[in-house]
Amino acid sequence: WVLVGQPGAMQETFGSVCHGAGRVMSRTAVRKGKDAREEQRKLEQNGILVRSESRDGILEELPEAYKNVDEVIEVVHQAGLAKKVARLRPMCVIKG
């Protein structure tokens, strides 16, 4: 998402809003029982290219490890902290 800060955000949050959705699973938990090659294949089928030096790097950034970004952004928008401008879609993840 691309957001633009709103005037009220300065007083409410010192002009700061979340920069990501936040994790719902630890890096350790998301790695358990998953095959990195299979997960990479699934992501590529959805048009998301992932490159990482390690198997763990791929698994740690799986979409299910994070909160629903649309729900998080809606809360920020409804709270008047930022206004939604555009929704972006990831095309590539580089994990170093």
PDB file of N, CA and C in Angstrom:
ATOM      1  N   TRP A   1       0.825  -1.182   0.000  1.00  0.00           N
ATOM      2  CA  TRP A   1       0.000   0.000   0.000  1.00  0.00           C
ATOM      3  C   TRP A   1       0.870   1.247   0.000  1.00  0.00           C
ATOM      4  N   VAL A   2       0.403   2.282  -0.679  1.00  0.00           N
ATOM      5  CA  VAL A   2       0.988   3.613  -0.586  1.00  0.00           C
ATOM      6  C   VAL A   2      -0.012   4.442   0.196  1.00  0.00           C
ATOM      7  N   LEU A   3       0.462   5.086   1.248  1.00  0.00           N
ATOM      8  CA  LEU A   3      -0.391   5.907   2.101  1.00  0.00           C
ATOM      9  C   LEU A   3       0.164   7.320   2.148  1.00  0.00           C
ATOM     10  N   VAL A   4      -0.705   8.270   2.458  1.00  0.00           N
ATOM     11  CA  VAL A   4      -0.257   9.636   2.702  1.00  0.00           C
ATOM     12  C   VAL A   4      -0.723  10.006   4.107  1.00  0.00           C
ATOM     13  N   GLY A   5       0.205  10.534   4.887  1.00  0.00           N
ATOM     14  CA  GLY A   5      -0.107  10.910   6.259  1.00  0.00           C
ATOM     15  C   GLY A   5      -1.171  11.995   6.317  1.00  0.00           C
ATOM     16  N   GLN A   6      -1.922  11.986   7.391  1.00  0.00           N
ATOM     17  CA  GLN A   6      -2.979  12.968   7.592  1.00  0.00           C
ATOM     18  C   GLN A   6      -2.597  13.902   8.742  1.00  0.00           C
ATOM     19  N   PRO A   7      -3.128  15.131   8.740  1.00  0.00           N
ATOM     20  CA  PRO A   7      -2.748  16.116   9.753  1.00  0.00           C
ATOM     21  C   PRO A   7      -2.897  15.620  11.201  1.00  0.00           C
ATOM     22  N   GLY A   8      -3.938  14.869  11.491  1.00  0.00           N
ATOM     23  CA  GLY A   8      -4.160  14.389  12.852  1.00  0.00           C
ATOM     24  C   GLY A   8      -3.106  13.410  13.334  1.00  0.00           C
ATOM     25  N   ALA A   9      -2.398  12.791  12.414  1.00  0.00           N
ATOM     26  CA  ALA A   9      -1.391  11.796  12.791  1.00  0.00           C
ATOM     27  C   ALA A   9      -0.243  12.422  13.575  1.00  0.00           C
ATOM     28  N   MET A  10       0.064  13.671  13.307  1.00  0.00           N
ATOM     29  CA  MET A  10       1.174  14.311  14.008  1.00  0.00           C
ATOM     30  C   MET A  10       0.899  14.378  15.509  1.00  0.00           C
ATOM     31  N   GLN A  11      -0.313  14.733  15.865  1.00  0.00           N
ATOM     32  CA  GLN A  11      -0.658  14.839  17.283  1.00  0.00           C
ATOM     33  C   GLN A  11      -0.875  13.455  17.909  1.00  0.00           C
ATOM     34  N   GLU A  12      -1.504  12.557  17.176  1.00  0.00           N
ATOM     35  CA  GLU A  12      -1.839  11.238  17.720  1.00  0.00           C
ATOM     36  C   GLU A  12      -0.637  10.296  17.812  1.00  0.00           C
ATOM     37  N   THR A  13       0.216  10.313  16.794  1.00  0.00           N
ATOM     38  CA  THR A  13       1.302   9.318  16.727  1.00  0.00           C
ATOM     39  C   THR A  13       2.652   9.935  16.375  1.00  0.00           C
ATOM     40  N   PHE A  14       2.799  11.232  16.581  1.00  0.00           N
ATOM     41  CA  PHE A  14       4.037  11.935  16.244  1.00  0.00           C
ATOM     42  C   PHE A  14       4.397  11.756  14.774  1.00  0.00           C
ATOM     43  N   GLY A  15       3.368  11.664  13.932  1.00  0.00           N
ATOM     44  CA  GLY A  15       3.569  11.569  12.489  1.00  0.00           C
ATOM     45  C   GLY A  15       4.030  10.211  12.004  1.00  0.00           C
ATOM     46  N   SER A  16       3.820   9.191  12.805  1.00  0.00           N
ATOM     47  CA  SER A  16       4.291   7.856  12.448  1.00  0.00           C
ATOM     48  C   SER A  16       3.117   6.892  12.317  1.00  0.00           C
ATOM     49  N   VAL A  17       3.179   6.024  11.336  1.00  0.00           N
ATOM     50  CA  VAL A  17       2.207   4.936  11.215  1.00  0.00           C
ATOM     51  C   VAL A  17       2.988   3.650  10.963  1.00  0.00           C
ATOM     52  N   CYS A  18       2.303   2.524  11.086  1.00  0.00           N
ATOM     53  CA  CYS A  18       2.970   1.238  10.887  1.00  0.00           C
ATOM     54  C   CYS A  18       3.561   1.169   9.478  1.00  0.00           C
ATOM     55  N   HIS A  19       4.685   0.500   9.362  1.00  0.00           N
ATOM     56  CA  HIS A  19       5.336   0.365   8.063  1.00  0.00           C
ATOM     57  C   HIS A  19       5.169  -1.036   7.497  1.00  0.00           C
ATOM     58  N   GLY A  20       4.411  -1.855   8.171  1.00  0.00           N
ATOM     59  CA  GLY A  20       4.162  -3.211   7.695  1.00  0.00           C
ATOM     60  C   GLY A  20       3.023  -3.832   8.467  1.00  0.00           C
ATOM     61  N   ALA A  21       2.629  -5.001   8.052  1.00  0.00           N
ATOM     62  CA  ALA A  21       1.475  -5.646   8.673  1.00  0.00           C
ATOM     63  C   ALA A  21       1.805  -6.256  10.028  1.00  0.00           C
ATOM     64  N   GLY A  22       3.017  -6.721  10.218  1.00  0.00           N
ATOM     65  CA  GLY A  22       3.392  -7.378  11.467  1.00  0.00           C
ATOM     66  C   GLY A  22       3.198  -8.881  11.380  1.00  0.00           C
ATOM     67  N   ARG A  23       3.982  -9.588  12.122  1.00  0.00           N
ATOM     68  CA  ARG A  23       3.954 -11.053  12.093  1.00  0.00           C
ATOM     69  C   ARG A  23       2.839 -11.623  12.952  1.00  0.00           C
ATOM     70  N   VAL A  24       2.301 -12.760  12.505  1.00  0.00           N
ATOM     71  CA  VAL A  24       1.384 -13.557  13.326  1.00  0.00           C
ATOM     72  C   VAL A  24       2.057 -14.874  13.710  1.00  0.00           C
ATOM     73  N   MET A  25       3.178 -15.173  13.067  1.00  0.00           N
ATOM     74  CA  MET A  25       3.948 -16.384  13.365  1.00  0.00           C
ATOM     75  C   MET A  25       5.416 -16.000  13.509  1.00  0.00           C
ATOM     76  N   SER A  26       6.079 -16.595  14.463  1.00  0.00           N
ATOM     77  CA  SER A  26       7.516 -16.358  14.605  1.00  0.00           C
ATOM     78  C   SER A  26       8.244 -16.981  13.416  1.00  0.00           C
ATOM     79  N   ARG A  27       9.462 -16.551  13.211  1.00  0.00           N
ATOM     80  CA  ARG A  27      10.268 -17.123  12.126  1.00  0.00           C
ATOM     81  C   ARG A  27      10.462 -18.625  12.343  1.00  0.00           C
ATOM     82  N   THR A  28      10.639 -19.027  13.585  1.00  0.00           N
ATOM     83  CA  THR A  28      10.807 -20.447  13.900  1.00  0.00           C
ATOM     84  C   THR A  28       9.541 -21.230  13.584  1.00  0.00           C
ATOM     85  N   ALA A  29       8.400 -20.710  13.998  1.00  0.00           N
ATOM     86  CA  ALA A  29       7.130 -21.419  13.794  1.00  0.00           C
ATOM     87  C   ALA A  29       6.797 -21.585  12.318  1.00  0.00           C
ATOM     88  N   VAL A  30       7.052 -20.571  11.520  1.00  0.00           N
ATOM     89  CA  VAL A  30       6.678 -20.644  10.103  1.00  0.00           C
ATOM     90  C   VAL A  30       7.548 -21.647   9.344  1.00  0.00           C
ATOM     91  N   ARG A  31       8.742 -21.915   9.849  1.00  0.00           N
ATOM     92  CA  ARG A  31       9.637 -22.865   9.168  1.00  0.00           C
ATOM     93  C   ARG A  31       9.249 -24.319   9.402  1.00  0.00           C
ATOM     94  N   LYS A  32       8.549 -24.596  10.491  1.00  0.00           N
ATOM     95  CA  LYS A  32       8.247 -25.986  10.864  1.00  0.00           C
ATOM     96  C   LYS A  32       7.311 -26.655   9.861  1.00  0.00           C
ATOM     97  N   GLY A  33       7.733 -27.818   9.397  1.00  0.00           N
ATOM     98  CA  GLY A  33       6.894 -28.635   8.530  1.00  0.00           C
ATOM     99  C   GLY A  33       6.711 -28.115   7.119  1.00  0.00           C
ATOM    100  N   LYS A  34       7.532 -27.170   6.697  1.00  0.00           N
ATOM    101  CA  LYS A  34       7.401 -26.606   5.353  1.00  0.00           C
ATOM    102  C   LYS A  34       8.619 -26.969   4.513  1.00  0.00           C
ATOM    103  N   ASP A  35       8.390 -27.149   3.233  1.00  0.00           N
ATOM    104  CA  ASP A  35       9.452 -27.416   2.274  1.00  0.00           C
ATOM    105  C   ASP A  35       9.694 -26.144   1.467  1.00  0.00           C
ATOM    106  N   ALA A  36      10.903 -25.602   1.546  1.00  0.00           N
ATOM    107  CA  ALA A  36      11.211 -24.325   0.901  1.00  0.00           C
ATOM    108  C   ALA A  36      10.971 -24.363  -0.604  1.00  0.00           C
ATOM    109  N   ARG A  37      11.364 -25.442  -1.259  1.00  0.00           N
ATOM    110  CA  ARG A  37      11.182 -25.520  -2.720  1.00  0.00           C
ATOM    111  C   ARG A  37       9.705 -25.512  -3.089  1.00  0.00           C
ATOM    112  N   GLU A  38       8.903 -26.250  -2.328  1.00  0.00           N
ATOM    113  CA  GLU A  38       7.459 -26.303  -2.598  1.00  0.00           C
ATOM    114  C   GLU A  38       6.819 -24.935  -2.362  1.00  0.00           C
ATOM    115  N   GLU A  39       7.199 -24.277  -1.282  1.00  0.00           N
ATOM    116  CA  GLU A  39       6.634 -22.952  -0.989  1.00  0.00           C
ATOM    117  C   GLU A  39       7.070 -21.934  -2.034  1.00  0.00           C
ATOM    118  N   GLN A  40       8.311 -22.027  -2.491  1.00  0.00           N
ATOM    119  CA  GLN A  40       8.796 -21.126  -3.533  1.00  0.00           C
ATOM    120  C   GLN A  40       8.010 -21.345  -4.824  1.00  0.00           C
ATOM    121  N   ARG A  41       7.732 -22.605  -5.145  1.00  0.00           N
ATOM    122  CA  ARG A  41       6.945 -22.928  -6.343  1.00  0.00           C
ATOM    123  C   ARG A  41       5.547 -22.324  -6.248  1.00  0.00           C
ATOM    124  N   LYS A  42       4.920 -22.437  -5.087  1.00  0.00           N
ATOM    125  CA  LYS A  42       3.573 -21.870  -4.895  1.00  0.00           C
ATOM    126  C   LYS A  42       3.580 -20.356  -5.091  1.00  0.00           C
ATOM    127  N   LEU A  43       4.579 -19.692  -4.530  1.00  0.00           N
ATOM    128  CA  LEU A  43       4.676 -18.243  -4.688  1.00  0.00           C
ATOM    129  C   LEU A  43       4.854 -17.875  -6.155  1.00  0.00           C
ATOM    130  N   GLU A  44       5.714 -18.604  -6.857  1.00  0.00           N
ATOM    131  CA  GLU A  44       5.952 -18.313  -8.269  1.00  0.00           C
ATOM    132  C   GLU A  44       4.702 -18.544  -9.107  1.00  0.00           C
ATOM    133  N   GLN A  45       3.874 -19.523  -8.724  1.00  0.00           N
ATOM    134  CA  GLN A  45       2.600 -19.737  -9.421  1.00  0.00           C
ATOM    135  C   GLN A  45       1.673 -18.536  -9.254  1.00  0.00           C
ATOM    136  N   ASN A  46       1.861 -17.786  -8.178  1.00  0.00           N
ATOM    137  CA  ASN A  46       1.068 -16.578  -7.940  1.00  0.00           C
ATOM    138  C   ASN A  46       1.771 -15.327  -8.448  1.00  0.00           C
ATOM    139  N   GLY A  47       2.831 -15.522  -9.230  1.00  0.00           N
ATOM    140  CA  GLY A  47       3.518 -14.391  -9.839  1.00  0.00           C
ATOM    141  C   GLY A  47       4.497 -13.683  -8.926  1.00  0.00           C
ATOM    142  N   ILE A  48       4.908 -14.324  -7.821  1.00  0.00           N
ATOM    143  CA  ILE A  48       5.851 -13.710  -6.887  1.00  0.00           C
ATOM    144  C   ILE A  48       7.179 -14.453  -6.972  1.00  0.00           C
ATOM    145  N   LEU A  49       8.206 -13.755  -7.398  1.00  0.00           N
ATOM    146  CA  LEU A  49       9.542 -14.313  -7.532  1.00  0.00           C
ATOM    147  C   LEU A  49      10.282 -14.141  -6.207  1.00  0.00           C
ATOM    148  N   VAL A  50      10.834 -15.223  -5.689  1.00  0.00           N
ATOM    149  CA  VAL A  50      11.558 -15.184  -4.412  1.00  0.00           C
ATOM    150  C   VAL A  50      12.960 -15.726  -4.622  1.00  0.00           C
ATOM    151  N   ARG A  51      13.949 -14.982  -4.150  1.00  0.00           N
ATOM    152  CA  ARG A  51      15.333 -15.439  -4.192  1.00  0.00           C
ATOM    153  C   ARG A  51      15.929 -15.230  -2.804  1.00  0.00           C
ATOM    154  N   SER A  52      16.559 -16.261  -2.297  1.00  0.00           N
ATOM    155  CA  SER A  52      17.177 -16.190  -0.978  1.00  0.00           C
ATOM    156  C   SER A  52      18.392 -17.096  -0.959  1.00  0.00           C
ATOM    157  N   GLU A  53      19.383 -16.714  -0.167  1.00  0.00           N
ATOM    158  CA  GLU A  53      20.571 -17.549  -0.023  1.00  0.00           C
ATOM    159  C   GLU A  53      20.279 -18.800   0.781  1.00  0.00           C
ATOM    160  N   SER A  54      19.203 -18.776   1.556  1.00  0.00           N
ATOM    161  CA  SER A  54      18.931 -19.918   2.428  1.00  0.00           C
ATOM    162  C   SER A  54      17.487 -20.386   2.321  1.00  0.00           C
ATOM    163  N   ARG A  55      17.277 -21.639   2.663  1.00  0.00           N
ATOM    164  CA  ARG A  55      15.935 -22.224   2.732  1.00  0.00           C
ATOM    165  C   ARG A  55      15.106 -21.460   3.758  1.00  0.00           C
ATOM    166  N   ASP A  56      15.708 -21.185   4.926  1.00  0.00           N
ATOM    167  CA  ASP A  56      14.992 -20.480   5.985  1.00  0.00           C
ATOM    168  C   ASP A  56      14.523 -19.102   5.533  1.00  0.00           C
ATOM    169  N   GLY A  57      15.348 -18.431   4.734  1.00  0.00           N
ATOM    170  CA  GLY A  57      14.991 -17.099   4.256  1.00  0.00           C
ATOM    171  C   GLY A  57      13.702 -17.098   3.458  1.00  0.00           C
ATOM    172  N   ILE A  58      13.494 -18.128   2.671  1.00  0.00           N
ATOM    173  CA  ILE A  58      12.258 -18.251   1.887  1.00  0.00           C
ATOM    174  C   ILE A  58      11.075 -18.476   2.814  1.00  0.00           C
ATOM    175  N   LEU A  59      11.223 -19.407   3.721  1.00  0.00           N
ATOM    176  CA  LEU A  59      10.108 -19.769   4.599  1.00  0.00           C
ATOM    177  C   LEU A  59       9.736 -18.653   5.570  1.00  0.00           C
ATOM    178  N   GLU A  60      10.721 -17.912   6.062  1.00  0.00           N
ATOM    179  CA  GLU A  60      10.461 -16.868   7.055  1.00  0.00           C
ATOM    180  C   GLU A  60       9.590 -15.737   6.526  1.00  0.00           C
ATOM    181  N   GLU A  61       9.560 -15.552   5.226  1.00  0.00           N
ATOM    182  CA  GLU A  61       8.803 -14.440   4.649  1.00  0.00           C
ATOM    183  C   GLU A  61       7.524 -14.877   3.942  1.00  0.00           C
ATOM    184  N   LEU A  62       7.052 -16.073   4.200  1.00  0.00           N
ATOM    185  CA  LEU A  62       5.811 -16.536   3.578  1.00  0.00           C
ATOM    186  C   LEU A  62       4.646 -15.638   3.976  1.00  0.00           C
ATOM    187  N   PRO A  63       3.706 -15.420   3.072  1.00  0.00           N
ATOM    188  CA  PRO A  63       2.572 -14.538   3.367  1.00  0.00           C
ATOM    189  C   PRO A  63       1.808 -14.904   4.634  1.00  0.00           C
ATOM    190  N   GLU A  64       1.669 -16.203   4.925  1.00  0.00           N
ATOM    191  CA  GLU A  64       0.891 -16.597   6.105  1.00  0.00           C
ATOM    192  C   GLU A  64       1.585 -16.254   7.417  1.00  0.00           C
ATOM    193  N   ALA A  65       2.848 -15.830   7.363  1.00  0.00           N
ATOM    194  CA  ALA A  65       3.571 -15.423   8.570  1.00  0.00           C
ATOM    195  C   ALA A  65       3.149 -14.029   9.037  1.00  0.00           C
ATOM    196  N   TYR A  66       2.406 -13.323   8.205  1.00  0.00           N
ATOM    197  CA  TYR A  66       2.058 -11.930   8.485  1.00  0.00           C
ATOM    198  C   TYR A  66       0.555 -11.719   8.637  1.00  0.00           C
ATOM    199  N   LYS A  67       0.206 -10.644   9.335  1.00  0.00           N
ATOM    200  CA  LYS A  67      -1.196 -10.237   9.448  1.00  0.00           C
ATOM    201  C   LYS A  67      -1.710  -9.860   8.059  1.00  0.00           C
ATOM    202  N   ASN A  68      -3.008  -9.807   7.922  1.00  0.00           N
ATOM    203  CA  ASN A  68      -3.624  -9.380   6.671  1.00  0.00           C
ATOM    204  C   ASN A  68      -3.374  -7.881   6.502  1.00  0.00           C
ATOM    205  N   VAL A  69      -2.569  -7.535   5.517  1.00  0.00           N
ATOM    206  CA  VAL A  69      -2.178  -6.139   5.337  1.00  0.00           C
ATOM    207  C   VAL A  69      -3.381  -5.245   5.031  1.00  0.00           C
ATOM    208  N   ASP A  70      -4.374  -5.769   4.325  1.00  0.00           N
ATOM    209  CA  ASP A  70      -5.551  -4.956   4.009  1.00  0.00           C
ATOM    210  C   ASP A  70      -6.298  -4.559   5.280  1.00  0.00           C
ATOM    211  N   GLU A  71      -6.396  -5.482   6.234  1.00  0.00           N
ATOM    212  CA  GLU A  71      -7.061  -5.176   7.503  1.00  0.00           C
ATOM    213  C   GLU A  71      -6.269  -4.145   8.307  1.00  0.00           C
ATOM    214  N   VAL A  72      -4.951  -4.279   8.330  1.00  0.00           N
ATOM    215  CA  VAL A  72      -4.103  -3.333   9.058  1.00  0.00           C
ATOM    216  C   VAL A  72      -4.227  -1.937   8.454  1.00  0.00           C
ATOM    217  N   ILE A  73      -4.165  -1.852   7.135  1.00  0.00           N
ATOM    218  CA  ILE A  73      -4.255  -0.559   6.457  1.00  0.00           C
ATOM    219  C   ILE A  73      -5.626   0.069   6.671  1.00  0.00           C
ATOM    220  N   GLU A  74      -6.666  -0.737   6.683  1.00  0.00           N
ATOM    221  CA  GLU A  74      -8.013  -0.207   6.905  1.00  0.00           C
ATOM    222  C   GLU A  74      -8.125   0.431   8.289  1.00  0.00           C
ATOM    223  N   VAL A  75      -7.518  -0.166   9.290  1.00  0.00           N
ATOM    224  CA  VAL A  75      -7.530   0.413  10.642  1.00  0.00           C
ATOM    225  C   VAL A  75      -6.818   1.762  10.641  1.00  0.00           C
ATOM    226  N   VAL A  76      -5.654   1.834  10.008  1.00  0.00           N
ATOM    227  CA  VAL A  76      -4.897   3.089   9.929  1.00  0.00           C
ATOM    228  C   VAL A  76      -5.719   4.149   9.200  1.00  0.00           C
ATOM    229  N   HIS A  77      -6.364   3.753   8.108  1.00  0.00           N
ATOM    230  CA  HIS A  77      -7.189   4.666   7.312  1.00  0.00           C
ATOM    231  C   HIS A  77      -8.394   5.164   8.124  1.00  0.00           C
ATOM    232  N   GLN A  78      -9.103   4.238   8.754  1.00  0.00           N
ATOM    233  CA  GLN A  78     -10.296   4.608   9.529  1.00  0.00           C
ATOM    234  C   GLN A  78      -9.944   5.462  10.747  1.00  0.00           C
ATOM    235  N   ALA A  79      -8.757   5.273  11.294  1.00  0.00           N
ATOM    236  CA  ALA A  79      -8.321   6.067  12.446  1.00  0.00           C
ATOM    237  C   ALA A  79      -7.910   7.478  12.039  1.00  0.00           C
ATOM    238  N   GLY A  80      -7.844   7.727  10.728  1.00  0.00           N
ATOM    239  CA  GLY A  80      -7.483   9.055  10.247  1.00  0.00           C
ATOM    240  C   GLY A  80      -5.994   9.356  10.319  1.00  0.00           C
ATOM    241  N   LEU A  81      -5.185   8.327  10.474  1.00  0.00           N
ATOM    242  CA  LEU A  81      -3.740   8.527  10.549  1.00  0.00           C
ATOM    243  C   LEU A  81      -3.111   8.650   9.169  1.00  0.00           C
ATOM    244  N   ALA A  82      -3.690   7.975   8.192  1.00  0.00           N
ATOM    245  CA  ALA A  82      -3.185   8.020   6.821  1.00  0.00           C
ATOM    246  C   ALA A  82      -4.335   7.731   5.867  1.00  0.00           C
ATOM    247  N   LYS A  83      -4.189   8.228   4.659  1.00  0.00           N
ATOM    248  CA  LYS A  83      -5.192   8.014   3.619  1.00  0.00           C
ATOM    249  C   LYS A  83      -4.622   7.047   2.583  1.00  0.00           C
ATOM    250  N   LYS A  84      -5.452   6.092   2.173  1.00  0.00           N
ATOM    251  CA  LYS A  84      -5.024   5.137   1.148  1.00  0.00           C
ATOM    252  C   LYS A  84      -4.893   5.849  -0.199  1.00  0.00           C
ATOM    253  N   VAL A  85      -3.775   5.612  -0.864  1.00  0.00           N
ATOM    254  CA  VAL A  85      -3.532   6.196  -2.182  1.00  0.00           C
ATOM    255  C   VAL A  85      -3.581   5.113  -3.254  1.00  0.00           C
ATOM    256  N   ALA A  86      -2.832   4.037  -3.062  1.00  0.00           N
ATOM    257  CA  ALA A  86      -2.778   2.971  -4.066  1.00  0.00           C
ATOM    258  C   ALA A  86      -2.382   1.661  -3.402  1.00  0.00           C
ATOM    259  N   ARG A  87      -2.899   0.571  -3.950  1.00  0.00           N
ATOM    260  CA  ARG A  87      -2.517  -0.752  -3.456  1.00  0.00           C
ATOM    261  C   ARG A  87      -1.510  -1.347  -4.428  1.00  0.00           C
ATOM    262  N   LEU A  88      -0.388  -1.770  -3.900  1.00  0.00           N
ATOM    263  CA  LEU A  88       0.660  -2.371  -4.708  1.00  0.00           C
ATOM    264  C   LEU A  88       0.628  -3.883  -4.537  1.00  0.00           C
ATOM    265  N   ARG A  89       1.176  -4.578  -5.497  1.00  0.00           N
ATOM    266  CA  ARG A  89       1.250  -6.040  -5.441  1.00  0.00           C
ATOM    267  C   ARG A  89       2.717  -6.446  -5.542  1.00  0.00           C
ATOM    268  N   PRO A  90       3.210  -7.249  -4.583  1.00  0.00           N
ATOM    269  CA  PRO A  90       4.621  -7.644  -4.652  1.00  0.00           C
ATOM    270  C   PRO A  90       4.902  -8.490  -5.889  1.00  0.00           C
ATOM    271  N   MET A  91       6.026  -8.224  -6.500  1.00  0.00           N
ATOM    272  CA  MET A  91       6.440  -8.990  -7.669  1.00  0.00           C
ATOM    273  C   MET A  91       7.737  -9.739  -7.403  1.00  0.00           C
ATOM    274  N   CYS A  92       8.471  -9.300  -6.399  1.00  0.00           N
ATOM    275  CA  CYS A  92       9.764  -9.896  -6.123  1.00  0.00           C
ATOM    276  C   CYS A  92      10.098  -9.700  -4.652  1.00  0.00           C
ATOM    277  N   VAL A  93      10.716 -10.703  -4.060  1.00  0.00           N
ATOM    278  CA  VAL A  93      11.211 -10.607  -2.693  1.00  0.00           C
ATOM    279  C   VAL A  93      12.684 -10.969  -2.730  1.00  0.00           C
ATOM    280  N   ILE A  94      13.510 -10.087  -2.191  1.00  0.00           N
ATOM    281  CA  ILE A  94      14.939 -10.366  -2.092  1.00  0.00           C
ATOM    282  C   ILE A  94      15.266 -10.453  -0.615  1.00  0.00           C
ATOM    283  N   LYS A  95      15.726 -11.595  -0.212  1.00  0.00           N
ATOM    284  CA  LYS A  95      16.020 -11.835   1.204  1.00  0.00           C
ATOM    285  C   LYS A  95      17.504 -12.119   1.314  1.00  0.00           C
ATOM    286  N   GLY A  96      18.236 -11.254   2.020  1.00  0.00           N
ATOM    287  CA  GLY A  96      19.690 -11.437   2.109  1.00  0.00           C
ATOM    288  C   GLY A  96      20.167 -11.835   3.457  1.00  0.00           C
TER     289      GLY A  96
END
